[in-house]
Each structure stands twice: as structure tokens, then as C-alpha cells.
N, C-alpha and C. Protein backbone atom coordinates (compact mmCIF):
# COMPACT_ATOMS: atom_id res chain seq x y z
N UNK A 1 33.39 31.68 -17.03
CA UNK A 1 33.97 30.39 -16.68
C UNK A 1 34.40 29.71 -17.98
N UNK A 2 35.60 29.19 -17.98
CA UNK A 2 36.11 28.56 -19.20
C UNK A 2 35.53 27.17 -19.40
N UNK A 3 35.50 26.74 -20.64
CA UNK A 3 34.92 25.44 -20.99
C UNK A 3 35.66 24.29 -20.31
N UNK A 4 36.95 24.45 -20.05
CA UNK A 4 37.72 23.40 -19.38
C UNK A 4 37.14 23.08 -18.01
N UNK A 5 36.59 24.08 -17.34
CA UNK A 5 35.99 23.86 -16.02
C UNK A 5 34.73 23.00 -16.12
N UNK A 6 34.14 22.92 -17.29
CA UNK A 6 32.93 22.12 -17.50
C UNK A 6 33.25 20.68 -17.90
N UNK A 7 34.48 20.41 -18.27
CA UNK A 7 34.84 19.12 -18.87
C UNK A 7 34.42 17.92 -18.01
N UNK A 8 34.72 17.94 -16.73
CA UNK A 8 34.38 16.80 -15.86
C UNK A 8 32.87 16.60 -15.79
N UNK A 9 32.13 17.70 -15.74
CA UNK A 9 30.68 17.59 -15.66
C UNK A 9 30.10 17.11 -16.98
N UNK A 10 30.64 17.60 -18.09
CA UNK A 10 30.19 17.12 -19.40
C UNK A 10 30.43 15.62 -19.51
N UNK A 11 31.60 15.15 -19.11
CA UNK A 11 31.91 13.72 -19.18
C UNK A 11 30.99 12.91 -18.28
N UNK A 12 30.70 13.42 -17.08
CA UNK A 12 29.78 12.73 -16.17
C UNK A 12 28.38 12.64 -16.76
N UNK A 13 27.95 13.71 -17.41
CA UNK A 13 26.63 13.72 -18.05
C UNK A 13 26.56 12.72 -19.20
N UNK A 14 27.60 12.71 -20.03
CA UNK A 14 27.60 11.79 -21.18
C UNK A 14 27.67 10.34 -20.72
N UNK A 15 28.46 10.07 -19.71
CA UNK A 15 28.55 8.71 -19.17
C UNK A 15 27.20 8.28 -18.60
N UNK A 16 26.57 9.17 -17.87
CA UNK A 16 25.26 8.87 -17.29
C UNK A 16 24.24 8.58 -18.39
N UNK A 17 24.24 9.39 -19.42
CA UNK A 17 23.29 9.19 -20.52
C UNK A 17 23.47 7.82 -21.15
N UNK A 18 24.70 7.41 -21.37
CA UNK A 18 24.96 6.10 -21.98
C UNK A 18 24.55 4.96 -21.04
N UNK A 19 24.84 5.11 -19.75
CA UNK A 19 24.42 4.09 -18.78
C UNK A 19 22.89 4.00 -18.73
N UNK A 20 22.23 5.13 -18.78
CA UNK A 20 20.77 5.14 -18.74
C UNK A 20 20.17 4.47 -19.98
N UNK A 21 20.74 4.73 -21.13
CA UNK A 21 20.24 4.08 -22.35
C UNK A 21 20.42 2.57 -22.26
N UNK A 22 21.56 2.14 -21.77
CA UNK A 22 21.82 0.71 -21.61
C UNK A 22 20.88 0.09 -20.58
N UNK A 23 20.67 0.78 -19.49
CA UNK A 23 19.78 0.29 -18.43
C UNK A 23 18.35 0.17 -18.95
N UNK A 24 17.92 1.15 -19.69
CA UNK A 24 16.58 1.12 -20.27
C UNK A 24 16.40 -0.10 -21.17
N UNK A 25 17.41 -0.37 -21.97
CA UNK A 25 17.36 -1.55 -22.85
C UNK A 25 17.31 -2.84 -22.05
N UNK A 26 18.08 -2.89 -20.96
CA UNK A 26 18.04 -4.08 -20.10
C UNK A 26 16.67 -4.24 -19.45
N UNK A 27 16.10 -3.14 -19.02
CA UNK A 27 14.77 -3.20 -18.39
C UNK A 27 13.73 -3.75 -19.35
N UNK A 28 13.86 -3.40 -20.62
CA UNK A 28 12.89 -3.87 -21.62
C UNK A 28 12.97 -5.38 -21.84
N UNK A 29 14.05 -6.01 -21.40
CA UNK A 29 14.19 -7.46 -21.54
C UNK A 29 13.58 -8.22 -20.37
N UNK A 30 13.19 -7.50 -19.34
CA UNK A 30 12.58 -8.14 -18.17
C UNK A 30 11.23 -8.75 -18.52
N UNK A 31 10.90 -9.83 -17.85
CA UNK A 31 9.63 -10.52 -18.12
C UNK A 31 8.43 -9.70 -17.71
N UNK A 32 8.52 -9.05 -16.56
CA UNK A 32 7.40 -8.26 -16.07
C UNK A 32 7.68 -6.78 -16.31
N UNK A 33 7.32 -6.32 -17.49
CA UNK A 33 7.61 -4.93 -17.87
C UNK A 33 6.87 -3.93 -16.98
N UNK A 34 5.72 -4.31 -16.48
CA UNK A 34 4.96 -3.39 -15.64
C UNK A 34 5.78 -2.99 -14.41
N UNK A 35 6.55 -3.93 -13.85
CA UNK A 35 7.39 -3.63 -12.69
C UNK A 35 8.56 -2.71 -13.05
N UNK A 36 8.92 -2.68 -14.31
CA UNK A 36 10.08 -1.89 -14.74
C UNK A 36 9.67 -0.56 -15.38
N UNK A 37 8.38 -0.29 -15.43
CA UNK A 37 7.89 0.89 -16.12
C UNK A 37 8.52 2.19 -15.61
N UNK A 38 8.57 2.37 -14.31
CA UNK A 38 9.12 3.60 -13.75
C UNK A 38 10.62 3.72 -14.04
N UNK A 39 11.31 2.60 -13.96
CA UNK A 39 12.75 2.60 -14.25
C UNK A 39 13.00 2.98 -15.71
N UNK A 40 12.22 2.44 -16.61
CA UNK A 40 12.36 2.75 -18.03
C UNK A 40 12.08 4.24 -18.27
N UNK A 41 11.01 4.74 -17.67
CA UNK A 41 10.67 6.16 -17.84
C UNK A 41 11.80 7.06 -17.34
N UNK A 42 12.28 6.77 -16.13
CA UNK A 42 13.31 7.63 -15.54
C UNK A 42 14.64 7.54 -16.29
N UNK A 43 15.01 6.35 -16.75
CA UNK A 43 16.28 6.26 -17.47
C UNK A 43 16.20 7.01 -18.79
N UNK A 44 15.08 6.96 -19.46
CA UNK A 44 14.91 7.73 -20.70
C UNK A 44 14.96 9.23 -20.43
N UNK A 45 14.26 9.66 -19.38
CA UNK A 45 14.25 11.09 -19.04
C UNK A 45 15.63 11.55 -18.58
N UNK A 46 16.30 10.71 -17.81
CA UNK A 46 17.63 11.06 -17.31
C UNK A 46 18.62 11.17 -18.47
N UNK A 47 18.57 10.23 -19.39
CA UNK A 47 19.44 10.29 -20.55
C UNK A 47 19.23 11.60 -21.31
N UNK A 48 17.99 11.94 -21.51
CA UNK A 48 17.67 13.17 -22.24
C UNK A 48 18.18 14.42 -21.54
N UNK A 49 17.96 14.51 -20.24
CA UNK A 49 18.39 15.72 -19.52
C UNK A 49 19.91 15.77 -19.43
N UNK A 50 20.56 14.63 -19.36
CA UNK A 50 22.03 14.63 -19.32
C UNK A 50 22.63 15.09 -20.65
N UNK A 51 22.06 14.64 -21.75
CA UNK A 51 22.52 15.11 -23.07
C UNK A 51 22.28 16.61 -23.19
N UNK A 52 21.10 17.05 -22.79
CA UNK A 52 20.79 18.48 -22.86
C UNK A 52 21.74 19.29 -21.97
N UNK A 53 22.01 18.80 -20.78
CA UNK A 53 22.93 19.50 -19.87
C UNK A 53 24.31 19.60 -20.49
N UNK A 54 24.80 18.51 -21.07
CA UNK A 54 26.13 18.56 -21.69
C UNK A 54 26.16 19.58 -22.83
N UNK A 55 25.08 19.69 -23.56
CA UNK A 55 25.03 20.67 -24.66
C UNK A 55 25.03 22.10 -24.12
N UNK A 56 24.28 22.34 -23.04
CA UNK A 56 24.25 23.67 -22.43
C UNK A 56 25.63 24.03 -21.89
N UNK A 57 26.30 23.05 -21.29
CA UNK A 57 27.64 23.29 -20.77
C UNK A 57 28.63 23.58 -21.90
N UNK A 58 28.57 22.79 -22.95
CA UNK A 58 29.49 22.96 -24.07
C UNK A 58 29.33 24.32 -24.75
N UNK A 59 28.11 24.84 -24.71
CA UNK A 59 27.88 26.15 -25.33
C UNK A 59 28.01 27.30 -24.33
N UNK A 60 28.38 26.99 -23.09
CA UNK A 60 28.54 28.00 -22.04
C UNK A 60 27.29 28.87 -21.91
N UNK A 61 26.15 28.19 -21.88
CA UNK A 61 24.86 28.87 -21.80
C UNK A 61 24.71 29.67 -20.51
N UNK A 62 23.94 30.73 -20.59
CA UNK A 62 23.59 31.50 -19.40
C UNK A 62 22.71 30.69 -18.44
N UNK A 63 22.14 29.61 -18.93
CA UNK A 63 21.21 28.81 -18.14
C UNK A 63 21.86 27.57 -17.51
N UNK A 64 23.18 27.54 -17.46
CA UNK A 64 23.90 26.40 -16.87
C UNK A 64 23.44 26.13 -15.43
N UNK A 65 23.32 27.13 -14.57
CA UNK A 65 22.89 26.82 -13.20
C UNK A 65 21.51 26.15 -13.15
N UNK A 66 20.59 26.63 -13.95
CA UNK A 66 19.24 26.06 -13.93
C UNK A 66 19.22 24.63 -14.49
N UNK A 67 19.92 24.40 -15.59
CA UNK A 67 19.91 23.06 -16.18
C UNK A 67 20.64 22.08 -15.27
N UNK A 68 21.68 22.54 -14.59
CA UNK A 68 22.39 21.67 -13.64
C UNK A 68 21.47 21.27 -12.50
N UNK A 69 20.67 22.21 -12.00
CA UNK A 69 19.74 21.88 -10.92
C UNK A 69 18.70 20.86 -11.37
N UNK A 70 18.20 21.00 -12.58
CA UNK A 70 17.26 20.01 -13.10
C UNK A 70 17.94 18.66 -13.26
N UNK A 71 19.15 18.66 -13.77
CA UNK A 71 19.89 17.43 -13.96
C UNK A 71 20.11 16.71 -12.63
N UNK A 72 20.45 17.45 -11.61
CA UNK A 72 20.63 16.87 -10.27
C UNK A 72 19.35 16.15 -9.84
N UNK A 73 18.24 16.83 -9.97
CA UNK A 73 16.96 16.28 -9.52
C UNK A 73 16.60 15.00 -10.28
N UNK A 74 16.74 15.02 -11.59
CA UNK A 74 16.38 13.84 -12.40
C UNK A 74 17.37 12.70 -12.15
N UNK A 75 18.66 13.02 -12.09
CA UNK A 75 19.67 11.98 -11.86
C UNK A 75 19.48 11.30 -10.51
N UNK A 76 19.16 12.07 -9.49
CA UNK A 76 18.97 11.47 -8.17
C UNK A 76 17.73 10.58 -8.13
N UNK A 77 16.67 10.99 -8.81
CA UNK A 77 15.48 10.14 -8.88
C UNK A 77 15.78 8.86 -9.64
N UNK A 78 16.51 8.98 -10.71
CA UNK A 78 16.87 7.82 -11.53
C UNK A 78 17.81 6.89 -10.74
N UNK A 79 18.77 7.46 -10.04
CA UNK A 79 19.70 6.65 -9.23
C UNK A 79 18.94 5.83 -8.20
N UNK A 80 17.99 6.45 -7.55
CA UNK A 80 17.21 5.75 -6.52
C UNK A 80 16.40 4.61 -7.14
N UNK A 81 15.78 4.87 -8.26
CA UNK A 81 14.97 3.84 -8.92
C UNK A 81 15.84 2.70 -9.43
N UNK A 82 16.97 3.02 -10.03
CA UNK A 82 17.86 1.99 -10.54
C UNK A 82 18.43 1.14 -9.41
N UNK A 83 18.79 1.78 -8.32
CA UNK A 83 19.31 1.04 -7.16
C UNK A 83 18.25 0.08 -6.63
N UNK A 84 17.03 0.52 -6.61
CA UNK A 84 15.92 -0.31 -6.15
C UNK A 84 15.75 -1.56 -7.02
N UNK A 85 16.10 -1.42 -8.30
CA UNK A 85 15.96 -2.53 -9.26
C UNK A 85 17.29 -3.24 -9.53
N UNK A 86 18.26 -3.01 -8.67
CA UNK A 86 19.58 -3.67 -8.77
C UNK A 86 20.33 -3.35 -10.05
N UNK A 87 20.12 -2.17 -10.56
CA UNK A 87 20.84 -1.68 -11.74
C UNK A 87 21.95 -0.76 -11.24
N UNK A 88 22.90 -1.36 -10.53
CA UNK A 88 23.92 -0.59 -9.82
C UNK A 88 24.82 0.26 -10.71
N UNK A 89 25.30 -0.22 -11.88
CA UNK A 89 26.14 0.66 -12.70
C UNK A 89 25.42 1.94 -13.13
N UNK A 90 24.15 1.82 -13.45
CA UNK A 90 23.38 3.00 -13.84
C UNK A 90 23.17 3.91 -12.63
N UNK A 91 22.83 3.33 -11.51
CA UNK A 91 22.62 4.13 -10.30
C UNK A 91 23.89 4.91 -9.94
N UNK A 92 25.03 4.26 -10.06
CA UNK A 92 26.30 4.92 -9.75
C UNK A 92 26.60 6.04 -10.73
N UNK A 93 26.36 5.81 -12.02
CA UNK A 93 26.59 6.85 -13.02
C UNK A 93 25.67 8.05 -12.79
N UNK A 94 24.43 7.77 -12.43
CA UNK A 94 23.48 8.86 -12.16
C UNK A 94 23.92 9.67 -10.95
N UNK A 95 24.37 8.99 -9.91
CA UNK A 95 24.81 9.71 -8.71
C UNK A 95 26.07 10.52 -8.99
N UNK A 96 26.99 9.98 -9.78
CA UNK A 96 28.21 10.72 -10.14
C UNK A 96 27.85 11.97 -10.93
N UNK A 97 26.89 11.86 -11.83
CA UNK A 97 26.47 13.01 -12.62
C UNK A 97 25.81 14.06 -11.71
N UNK A 98 24.94 13.62 -10.83
CA UNK A 98 24.31 14.56 -9.89
C UNK A 98 25.37 15.26 -9.05
N UNK A 99 26.35 14.51 -8.57
CA UNK A 99 27.42 15.10 -7.76
C UNK A 99 28.25 16.11 -8.56
N UNK A 100 28.56 15.78 -9.82
CA UNK A 100 29.32 16.69 -10.67
C UNK A 100 28.54 17.97 -10.93
N UNK A 101 27.25 17.84 -11.20
CA UNK A 101 26.42 19.03 -11.42
C UNK A 101 26.29 19.86 -10.16
N UNK A 102 26.18 19.20 -9.01
CA UNK A 102 26.08 19.91 -7.75
C UNK A 102 27.37 20.70 -7.47
N UNK A 103 28.49 20.06 -7.69
CA UNK A 103 29.78 20.72 -7.49
C UNK A 103 29.91 21.94 -8.41
N UNK A 104 29.50 21.79 -9.65
CA UNK A 104 29.55 22.90 -10.59
C UNK A 104 28.59 24.01 -10.17
N UNK A 105 27.39 23.65 -9.76
CA UNK A 105 26.40 24.67 -9.42
C UNK A 105 26.82 25.48 -8.19
N UNK A 106 27.64 24.88 -7.33
CA UNK A 106 28.15 25.62 -6.16
C UNK A 106 29.03 26.78 -6.58
N UNK A 107 29.64 26.70 -7.74
CA UNK A 107 30.49 27.77 -8.24
C UNK A 107 29.69 28.98 -8.69
N UNK A 108 28.38 28.81 -8.83
CA UNK A 108 27.54 29.91 -9.29
C UNK A 108 26.85 30.62 -8.13
N UNK A 109 27.02 30.10 -6.92
CA UNK A 109 26.33 30.72 -5.78
C UNK A 109 27.24 31.64 -5.02
């Protein structure tokens, strides 16, 4: 599979990572940090897995299907948590990334 076929997924992953970092920073400004703990954890984890996924895609790794499946799982968990906390831009970016990874992973089945 050529790298051009990964471009949309790489962009979705990078966008998601940036939204997650921003969301995490916003969560840290909340008065009751205990209520935001799960959101902060998931946005940090999601950002990390999205960066890792984009790197695996850029290098055309043999493990693209596996990393995409992990990315889907983490992004969907993060999207749900962010939506619950009214962090809609982050939730949308996470869902777009999960959808892009899902679409790509279908090409491997």
C-alpha cells in the first residue's frame, strides 16, 4: 500500500493528537480537577497513540493493522469522555480519527 493511501489517516491522527493536547490543558484549568481526571488521562493517552499511529503509518510498518485497531479503541474511549465533559471539538477529532483508522483497517481484511 502506498504512503499516499495513509495520508488522510495520518492527518486525522495528527489533528486528534493536537486536539487532545489542547483539551488536556483546558481540563487542567478546571476548578475540580478530580472530576476531570479521567478526561485528562484519556486525552494524554489518545494523543500518544495517535502520534505513534501516524509514525507507524508514515513508515509503512507491518503492524499498521494492529496499531490502527488500538487507535480506534483509545480514540473512541476518549471521544466518549470528552463528549461527556462538553469538550466537543476534541470528541469530534477523536471520532474522526477512529473513523479514519477503521476505514483504513478495512483495507487489510
